[in-house]
Amino acid sequence: MGAGHDHGHSHAQAGGTATAAYVGRLRVALSITLTVMVVEIVGGVVADSLALVADAAHMATDALGLGMALLAIHFANRPATGNRTFGYARAEILAALANCLLLLVVGGYVLYEAIQRFVTPADTEGGLTIVFGAIGLVANMISLTLLVRGQKESLNVRGAFLEVAADALGSLAVILSAAVILTTGWQAADPIASLVIGVMIVPRTFKLLRETLDVLLESAPKDVDMTEVRTHILALDGVEDVHDLHAWTITSGMPVLSAHVVVRSDVLSAIGHEKMLHELQNCLGDHFDVEHCTFQLEPVGHAEHEAHLCH
């Protein structure tokens, strides 16, 4: 017979997920983003600057992304149920996915409008554009400071951080293009800055999208080498084999691992199931950071019995 055991330790704070610890900072960043978005829309219309409007459009997406992240935290903090045994933790990843799709749409729109500006040039007011661009840059730097730590722990916070970082670079591009217009009168600088903003949006979004899809497709966490995990388990005294070894991520900061471990009967009789499970947990705990580990201990030959049952 097999013996199952689950061992977990939480790194997140009271909310239960990595993002939950940064709710307050996400709210402040959302407030800043909404304020600057309105300011840049007004500035873009007054100064006839596509670069400012593009940056404001990106900020609108940022605001929506931050709002979804906060909403996802609300759902993720709801307790587990009989049907949803991990609760709503995966809602954070779904929000990150939606955020990626929105970013791709906005990036494509900005690139399209920039190309249109080359066909039909506009008369952009350089001085006003610099003022509004500078406001956006300062606000983005404040938001980046708030989110820099959390982006290492949560895909949602990382998505928000990358969006704000791109906004900061976009604001810088707006300022530089306006300075060129102000000093040389070269109006093409505005759509060029818009192209730069669009190009910054799309590639980083694909990177975040790939990481998000890895979670949804239940790929092994990027910092967990499954070959090394198998090697460590097999190195334990009495372990003959390991099969059905799986590792995946429920949401940011919540990796999970399960395995069927074949142990010699004489070893199990000598040390007992509990001590064997402790050795497995200690082995993985010393080398890998996994939130939940579930092991099924099996005697030699039990795998053939499982295969027979499957057929």
Protein backbone atom coordinates (compact mmCIF):
# COMPACT_ATOMS: atom_id res chain seq x y z
CA MET A 1 0.00 0.00 0.00
CA GLY A 2 1.13 3.55 -0.60
CA ALA A 3 1.28 6.28 1.96
CA GLY A 4 0.56 9.87 1.07
CA HIS A 5 1.77 12.93 2.93
CA ASP A 6 1.60 16.63 2.25
CA HIS A 7 4.14 19.09 3.56
CA GLY A 8 3.81 22.82 2.99
CA HIS A 9 5.24 26.08 4.18
CA SER A 10 3.97 29.53 3.29
CA HIS A 11 6.15 32.37 2.11
CA ALA A 12 3.31 34.75 1.37
CA GLN A 13 1.80 36.87 4.05
CA ALA A 14 -1.73 36.81 5.40
CA GLY A 15 -3.32 36.93 1.96
CA GLY A 16 -1.85 33.53 1.05
CA THR A 17 -0.28 34.58 -2.26
CA ALA A 18 2.84 36.51 -3.17
CA THR A 19 0.83 39.40 -4.58
CA ALA A 20 -1.30 39.84 -1.45
CA ALA A 21 1.59 41.40 0.46
CA TYR A 22 1.63 44.34 -1.98
CA VAL A 23 -2.04 45.31 -2.05
CA GLY A 24 -1.41 48.74 -0.53
CA ARG A 25 1.37 49.56 -2.98
CA LEU A 26 -0.69 48.36 -5.92
CA ARG A 27 -3.52 50.67 -4.83
CA VAL A 28 -1.19 53.68 -4.61
CA ALA A 29 0.31 52.82 -8.01
CA LEU A 30 -3.21 52.56 -9.46
CA SER A 31 -4.15 56.00 -8.10
CA ILE A 32 -0.98 57.55 -9.53
CA THR A 33 -1.50 55.86 -12.90
CA LEU A 34 -5.11 57.06 -13.23
CA THR A 35 -4.15 60.62 -12.32
CA VAL A 36 -1.28 60.80 -14.81
CA MET A 37 -3.41 59.12 -17.49
CA VAL A 38 -5.96 61.94 -17.28
CA VAL A 39 -3.21 64.57 -17.25
CA GLU A 40 -1.54 63.08 -20.35
CA ILE A 41 -4.82 62.77 -22.25
CA VAL A 42 -5.46 66.47 -21.64
CA GLY A 43 -1.88 67.29 -22.56
CA GLY A 44 -1.98 65.18 -25.70
CA VAL A 45 -5.12 66.90 -26.93
CA VAL A 46 -3.91 70.42 -26.07
CA ALA A 47 -0.40 69.91 -27.49
CA ASP A 48 -1.58 67.65 -30.38
CA SER A 49 1.03 65.08 -29.36
CA LEU A 50 0.47 61.46 -30.41
CA ALA A 51 3.34 60.40 -28.15
CA LEU A 52 1.49 61.78 -25.11
CA VAL A 53 -1.78 60.16 -26.19
CA ALA A 54 0.05 56.87 -26.78
CA ASP A 55 1.59 57.03 -23.32
CA ALA A 56 -1.84 57.84 -21.85
CA ALA A 57 -3.37 54.87 -23.69
CA HIS A 58 -0.68 52.63 -22.27
CA MET A 59 -1.34 54.05 -18.82
CA ALA A 60 -5.04 53.26 -19.27
CA THR A 61 -4.05 49.66 -19.89
CA ASP A 62 -1.76 49.79 -16.86
CA ALA A 63 -4.64 51.05 -14.74
CA LEU A 64 -6.87 48.25 -15.97
CA GLY A 65 -4.11 45.73 -15.31
CA LEU A 66 -3.56 47.03 -11.78
CA GLY A 67 -7.29 46.97 -11.16
CA MET A 68 -7.49 43.36 -12.35
CA ALA A 69 -4.53 42.43 -10.15
CA LEU A 70 -6.28 43.87 -7.11
CA LEU A 71 -9.52 42.13 -8.05
CA ALA A 72 -7.62 38.86 -8.50
CA ILE A 73 -6.12 39.22 -5.01
CA HIS A 74 -9.65 39.60 -3.64
CA PHE A 75 -10.69 36.31 -5.26
CA ALA A 76 -7.40 34.59 -4.42
CA ASN A 77 -7.92 35.33 -0.72
CA ARG A 78 -11.25 33.53 -0.66
CA PRO A 79 -11.03 30.21 1.19
CA ALA A 80 -10.77 26.85 -0.53
CA THR A 81 -13.94 24.79 -1.01
CA GLY A 82 -14.72 21.16 -1.64
CA ASN A 83 -14.77 21.77 -5.39
CA ARG A 84 -12.00 24.38 -5.55
CA THR A 85 -9.37 22.80 -3.34
CA PHE A 86 -6.82 25.55 -4.03
CA GLY A 87 -9.42 28.29 -3.68
CA TYR A 88 -9.23 31.05 -6.28
CA ALA A 89 -5.44 31.43 -6.27
CA ARG A 90 -5.25 30.83 -10.04
CA ALA A 91 -7.32 34.02 -10.58
CA GLU A 92 -4.08 36.01 -10.30
CA ILE A 93 -2.61 34.17 -13.28
CA LEU A 94 -5.78 34.66 -15.32
CA ALA A 95 -5.58 38.40 -14.59
CA ALA A 96 -1.96 38.43 -15.74
CA LEU A 97 -3.01 36.68 -18.97
CA ALA A 98 -5.78 39.22 -19.63
CA ASN A 99 -3.29 41.99 -18.94
CA CYS A 100 -0.90 40.57 -21.56
CA LEU A 101 -3.62 40.47 -24.20
CA LEU A 102 -4.60 44.08 -23.46
CA LEU A 103 -0.97 45.18 -23.73
CA LEU A 104 -0.64 43.54 -27.14
CA VAL A 105 -3.75 45.36 -28.38
CA VAL A 106 -2.51 48.74 -27.11
CA GLY A 107 0.98 48.15 -28.53
CA GLY A 108 -0.48 47.36 -31.94
CA TYR A 109 -2.71 50.45 -31.84
CA VAL A 110 0.19 52.75 -30.98
CA LEU A 111 2.31 51.35 -33.82
CA TYR A 112 -0.55 51.82 -36.29
CA GLU A 113 -1.25 55.42 -35.24
CA ALA A 114 2.45 56.28 -35.39
CA ILE A 115 2.65 55.10 -38.99
CA GLN A 116 -0.44 57.17 -39.82
CA ARG A 117 1.31 60.26 -38.42
CA PHE A 118 4.12 59.82 -40.93
CA VAL A 119 1.51 59.89 -43.70
CA THR A 120 -0.39 62.83 -42.21
CA PRO A 121 1.99 64.94 -40.07
CA ALA A 122 0.62 67.00 -37.18
CA ASP A 123 1.73 70.27 -35.61
CA THR A 124 2.85 69.18 -32.13
CA GLU A 125 3.45 71.80 -29.41
CA GLY A 126 6.89 70.89 -28.03
CA GLY A 127 6.88 73.02 -24.87
CA LEU A 128 3.58 71.71 -23.50
CA THR A 129 4.54 68.16 -24.41
CA ILE A 130 7.72 68.43 -22.32
CA VAL A 131 5.75 69.64 -19.28
CA PHE A 132 3.19 66.83 -19.43
CA GLY A 133 5.85 64.25 -20.25
CA ALA A 134 7.88 65.31 -17.19
CA ILE A 135 4.81 64.91 -14.96
CA GLY A 136 4.36 61.39 -16.28
CA LEU A 137 8.03 60.51 -15.77
CA VAL A 138 8.07 61.62 -12.13
CA ALA A 139 4.84 59.75 -11.38
CA ASN A 140 6.14 56.58 -13.02
CA MET A 141 9.36 56.69 -11.02
CA ILE A 142 7.33 56.86 -7.79
CA SER A 143 5.25 53.84 -8.86
CA LEU A 144 8.38 51.89 -9.82
CA THR A 145 9.82 52.47 -6.35
CA LEU A 146 6.64 51.06 -4.82
CA LEU A 147 6.61 47.91 -6.95
CA VAL A 148 10.31 47.03 -7.38
CA ARG A 149 10.43 44.48 -4.55
CA GLY A 150 7.13 42.75 -5.32
CA GLN A 151 7.97 42.16 -8.98
CA LYS A 152 10.49 39.49 -7.91
CA GLU A 153 7.80 37.46 -6.14
CA SER A 154 4.60 37.78 -8.18
CA LEU A 155 3.78 37.58 -11.88
CA ASN A 156 0.97 40.07 -11.39
CA VAL A 157 3.19 42.59 -9.63
CA ARG A 158 5.90 41.94 -12.22
CA GLY A 159 3.41 42.69 -14.97
CA ALA A 160 2.46 45.95 -13.27
CA PHE A 161 6.13 46.80 -12.71
CA LEU A 162 7.04 46.16 -16.36
CA GLU A 163 4.12 48.27 -17.52
CA VAL A 164 5.14 51.19 -15.32
CA ALA A 165 8.80 50.76 -16.38
CA ALA A 166 7.77 50.95 -20.02
CA ASP A 167 5.66 54.01 -19.19
CA ALA A 168 8.68 55.67 -17.61
CA LEU A 169 10.72 55.01 -20.75
CA GLY A 170 7.76 56.19 -22.81
CA SER A 171 7.60 59.44 -20.86
CA LEU A 172 11.32 59.89 -21.44
CA ALA A 173 10.80 59.31 -25.17
CA VAL A 174 7.99 61.88 -25.13
CA ILE A 175 10.26 64.46 -23.49
CA LEU A 176 13.13 63.83 -25.92
CA SER A 177 10.86 64.01 -28.98
CA ALA A 178 9.30 67.24 -27.72
CA ALA A 179 12.76 68.71 -27.14
CA VAL A 180 13.69 67.86 -30.73
CA ILE A 181 10.50 69.49 -32.03
CA LEU A 182 11.06 72.55 -29.85
CA THR A 183 14.66 73.06 -30.99
CA THR A 184 14.52 71.94 -34.63
CA GLY A 185 10.84 71.97 -35.60
CA TRP A 186 11.15 68.38 -36.89
CA GLN A 187 7.59 67.08 -36.37
CA ALA A 188 8.48 63.49 -37.28
CA ALA A 189 10.06 63.16 -33.82
CA ASP A 190 6.58 62.72 -32.29
CA PRO A 191 5.52 59.62 -34.28
CA ILE A 192 9.05 58.23 -33.91
CA ALA A 193 8.69 58.47 -30.12
CA SER A 194 5.31 56.75 -30.45
CA LEU A 195 6.94 53.92 -32.39
CA VAL A 196 9.54 53.58 -29.64
CA ILE A 197 6.77 53.29 -27.03
CA GLY A 198 4.96 50.66 -29.12
CA VAL A 199 8.14 48.65 -29.65
CA MET A 200 8.79 48.69 -25.89
CA ILE A 201 5.30 47.41 -25.14
CA VAL A 202 5.18 44.34 -27.41
CA PRO A 203 8.39 42.29 -26.75
CA ARG A 204 8.21 42.47 -22.94
CA THR A 205 4.56 41.51 -23.14
CA PHE A 206 5.43 38.33 -25.04
CA LYS A 207 7.93 37.45 -22.30
CA LEU A 208 5.33 37.87 -19.56
CA LEU A 209 2.78 36.00 -21.69
CA ARG A 210 5.17 33.05 -22.02
CA GLU A 211 5.69 32.90 -18.24
CA THR A 212 1.94 33.12 -17.64
CA LEU A 213 1.18 30.34 -20.12
CA ASP A 214 3.85 28.17 -18.46
CA VAL A 215 1.84 28.41 -15.23
CA LEU A 216 -1.47 27.68 -16.96
CA LEU A 217 0.08 24.72 -18.83
CA GLU A 218 1.45 23.47 -15.49
CA SER A 219 5.10 23.51 -16.55
CA ALA A 220 7.69 22.88 -13.87
CA PRO A 221 8.70 26.08 -12.01
CA LYS A 222 11.68 27.66 -13.77
CA ASP A 223 13.85 27.45 -10.63
CA VAL A 224 13.12 23.73 -10.07
CA ASP A 225 15.31 21.33 -12.07
CA MET A 226 13.30 18.10 -12.27
CA THR A 227 16.40 16.04 -13.06
CA GLU A 228 18.03 17.29 -9.88
CA VAL A 229 14.86 16.60 -7.88
CA ARG A 230 14.84 13.01 -9.13
CA THR A 231 18.56 12.64 -8.36
CA HIS A 232 18.11 13.89 -4.79
CA ILE A 233 15.18 11.54 -4.13
CA LEU A 234 17.01 8.51 -5.56
CA ALA A 235 20.05 9.30 -3.41
CA LEU A 236 18.11 8.58 -0.20
CA ASP A 237 18.88 5.26 1.47
CA GLY A 238 16.32 2.62 0.55
CA VAL A 239 14.77 4.48 -2.40
CA GLU A 240 14.71 2.21 -5.45
CA ASP A 241 12.81 4.37 -7.92
CA VAL A 242 10.61 7.44 -8.33
CA HIS A 243 7.82 7.81 -10.86
CA ASP A 244 4.82 10.06 -11.53
CA LEU A 245 7.05 12.96 -10.53
CA HIS A 246 5.30 16.26 -11.21
CA ALA A 247 5.94 19.89 -10.30
CA TRP A 248 3.81 22.86 -11.24
CA THR A 249 2.75 26.29 -10.01
CA ILE A 250 -0.72 27.15 -8.72
CA THR A 251 -0.01 30.90 -8.68
CA SER A 252 2.96 33.17 -8.00
CA GLY A 253 4.84 31.96 -4.93
CA MET A 254 2.91 28.66 -4.68
CA PRO A 255 4.86 25.81 -6.36
CA VAL A 256 3.61 22.24 -5.87
CA LEU A 257 5.34 18.85 -6.21
CA SER A 258 4.06 15.27 -6.08
CA ALA A 259 5.79 11.93 -6.56
CA HIS A 260 5.42 8.19 -6.11
CA VAL A 261 8.54 6.94 -4.34
CA VAL A 262 9.44 3.24 -4.42
CA VAL A 263 11.15 2.21 -1.17
CA ARG A 264 12.55 -1.20 -0.19
CA SER A 265 10.24 -3.00 2.23
CA ASP A 266 13.07 -3.77 4.68
CA VAL A 267 13.91 -0.04 4.93
CA LEU A 268 10.27 0.90 5.50
CA SER A 269 9.97 -1.79 8.17
CA ALA A 270 13.15 -0.59 9.87
CA ILE A 271 12.53 3.18 9.96
CA GLY A 272 8.78 3.46 9.36
CA HIS A 273 6.79 5.53 6.88
CA GLU A 274 6.87 8.72 8.93
CA LYS A 275 10.67 8.89 9.15
CA MET A 276 10.95 8.14 5.42
CA LEU A 277 8.55 10.99 4.64
CA HIS A 278 10.53 13.35 6.88
CA GLU A 279 13.73 12.42 5.04
CA LEU A 280 12.10 13.13 1.69
CA GLN A 281 10.77 16.47 2.91
CA ASN A 282 14.11 17.48 4.41
CA CYS A 283 15.93 16.41 1.26
CA LEU A 284 13.80 18.61 -0.99
CA GLY A 285 13.49 21.41 1.57
CA ASP A 286 17.27 21.79 1.70
CA HIS A 287 17.62 22.15 -2.07
CA PHE A 288 14.32 23.35 -3.53
CA ASP A 289 11.75 25.96 -2.53
CA VAL A 290 8.43 24.16 -3.02
CA GLU A 291 5.24 25.23 -1.27
CA HIS A 292 3.50 21.84 -1.11
CA CYS A 293 5.11 18.38 -1.44
CA THR A 294 2.97 15.24 -1.63
CA PHE A 295 4.63 11.79 -1.61
CA GLN A 296 3.18 8.35 -2.05
CA LEU A 297 5.47 5.65 -0.63
CA GLU A 298 5.28 2.33 -2.46
CA PRO A 299 6.88 -1.09 -2.06
CA VAL A 300 8.87 -2.55 -4.94
CA GLY A 301 6.50 -3.89 -7.62
CA HIS A 302 3.56 -1.65 -6.74
CA ALA A 303 4.00 0.39 -9.94
CA GLU A 304 3.18 -2.71 -12.02
CA HIS A 305 0.01 -3.11 -9.98
CA GLU A 306 -0.95 0.52 -10.72
CA ALA A 307 -0.32 -0.02 -14.43
CA HIS A 308 -2.60 -3.07 -14.36
CA LEU A 309 -5.37 -1.05 -12.69
CA CYS A 310 -5.08 1.68 -15.34
CA HIS A 311 -5.85 -0.87 -18.02
